[in-house]
Amino acid sequence: MRFLFGIVLGCALTIGGVYAVDHFTDRATARPMVNWDVVAKHVDGLTMLARDGWRRIGG
């Protein structure tokens, strides 16, 4: 039961987060998050941030 609740909650948070980003950004300057190339760019940026942080911690 916890597993199913976690899946539903994770999907709801993901969809809610994408909706919030799309809804509160200026339409003239940003493309909607639902375009996969935009999502890939954001995920790549997050991945690079995590890798840089890990390198700083690891020394």
C-alpha atoms as a PDB file:
ATOM      1  CA  MET A   1       0.000   0.000   0.000  1.00  0.00           C
ATOM      2  CA  ARG A   2       2.854   2.411   0.806  1.00  0.00           C
ATOM      3  CA  PHE A   3       4.448   1.603  -2.521  1.00  0.00           C
ATOM      4  CA  LEU A   4       1.328   2.532  -4.489  1.00  0.00           C
ATOM      5  CA  PHE A   5       0.878   5.665  -2.414  1.00  0.00           C
ATOM      6  CA  GLY A   6       4.483   6.629  -3.156  1.00  0.00           C
ATOM      7  CA  ILE A   7       3.989   6.137  -6.889  1.00  0.00           C
ATOM      8  CA  VAL A   8       0.804   8.208  -6.923  1.00  0.00           C
ATOM      9  CA  LEU A   9       2.383  10.924  -4.789  1.00  0.00           C
ATOM     10  CA  GLY A  10       5.493  11.037  -6.978  1.00  0.00           C
ATOM     11  CA  CYS A  11       3.425  11.378 -10.148  1.00  0.00           C
ATOM     12  CA  ALA A  12       1.292  14.106  -8.589  1.00  0.00           C
ATOM     13  CA  LEU A  13       4.360  16.055  -7.449  1.00  0.00           C
ATOM     14  CA  THR A  14       5.990  15.742 -10.863  1.00  0.00           C
ATOM     15  CA  ILE A  15       2.908  16.892 -12.743  1.00  0.00           C
ATOM     16  CA  GLY A  16       2.269  19.656 -10.202  1.00  0.00           C
ATOM     17  CA  GLY A  17       5.850  20.884 -10.449  1.00  0.00           C
ATOM     18  CA  VAL A  18       5.753  21.014 -14.235  1.00  0.00           C
ATOM     19  CA  TYR A  19       2.414  22.837 -14.120  1.00  0.00           C
ATOM     20  CA  ALA A  20       3.772  25.383 -11.633  1.00  0.00           C
ATOM     21  CA  VAL A  21       6.867  26.072 -13.737  1.00  0.00           C
ATOM     22  CA  ASP A  22       4.784  26.415 -16.897  1.00  0.00           C
ATOM     23  CA  HIS A  23       2.162  28.572 -15.245  1.00  0.00           C
ATOM     24  CA  PHE A  24       4.431  31.038 -13.438  1.00  0.00           C
ATOM     25  CA  THR A  25       7.079  31.671 -16.120  1.00  0.00           C
ATOM     26  CA  ASP A  26       6.900  34.534 -18.596  1.00  0.00           C
ATOM     27  CA  ARG A  27       5.592  33.135 -21.871  1.00  0.00           C
ATOM     28  CA  ALA A  28       7.613  35.531 -24.005  1.00  0.00           C
ATOM     29  CA  THR A  29      11.007  34.361 -22.722  1.00  0.00           C
ATOM     30  CA  ALA A  30      10.549  30.703 -21.810  1.00  0.00           C
ATOM     31  CA  ARG A  31       9.276  27.706 -23.687  1.00  0.00           C
ATOM     32  CA  PRO A  32       6.860  25.370 -21.899  1.00  0.00           C
ATOM     33  CA  MET A  33       8.447  22.647 -19.766  1.00  0.00           C
ATOM     34  CA  VAL A  34       6.459  19.930 -21.522  1.00  0.00           C
ATOM     35  CA  ASN A  35       8.764  20.145 -24.556  1.00  0.00           C
ATOM     36  CA  TRP A  36      11.162  17.245 -24.099  1.00  0.00           C
ATOM     37  CA  ASP A  37      14.187  19.179 -25.321  1.00  0.00           C
ATOM     38  CA  VAL A  38      13.574  21.824 -22.639  1.00  0.00           C
ATOM     39  CA  VAL A  39      13.157  19.139 -19.966  1.00  0.00           C
ATOM     40  CA  ALA A  40      16.364  17.442 -21.127  1.00  0.00           C
ATOM     41  CA  LYS A  41      18.245  20.757 -20.870  1.00  0.00           C
ATOM     42  CA  HIS A  42      17.000  21.292 -17.305  1.00  0.00           C
ATOM     43  CA  VAL A  43      17.848  17.714 -16.291  1.00  0.00           C
ATOM     44  CA  ASP A  44      21.327  18.064 -17.807  1.00  0.00           C
ATOM     45  CA  GLY A  45      21.873  21.263 -15.830  1.00  0.00           C
ATOM     46  CA  LEU A  46      20.745  19.573 -12.629  1.00  0.00           C
ATOM     47  CA  THR A  47      22.995  16.597 -13.337  1.00  0.00           C
ATOM     48  CA  MET A  48      26.013  18.838 -13.880  1.00  0.00           C
ATOM     49  CA  LEU A  49      25.244  20.701 -10.653  1.00  0.00           C
ATOM     50  CA  ALA A  50      25.100  17.409  -8.743  1.00  0.00           C
ATOM     51  CA  ARG A  51      28.359  16.187 -10.325  1.00  0.00           C
ATOM     52  CA  ASP A  52      30.158  19.432  -9.488  1.00  0.00           C
ATOM     53  CA  GLY A  53      28.919  19.241  -5.911  1.00  0.00           C
ATOM     54  CA  TRP A  54      30.045  15.637  -5.617  1.00  0.00           C
ATOM     55  CA  ARG A  55      33.506  16.555  -6.962  1.00  0.00           C
ATOM     56  CA  ARG A  56      33.805  19.334  -4.389  1.00  0.00           C
ATOM     57  CA  ILE A  57      32.837  16.974  -1.589  1.00  0.00           C
ATOM     58  CA  GLY A  58      35.069  14.150  -2.854  1.00  0.00           C
ATOM     59  CA  GLY A  59      37.998  16.484  -3.264  1.00  0.00           C
END
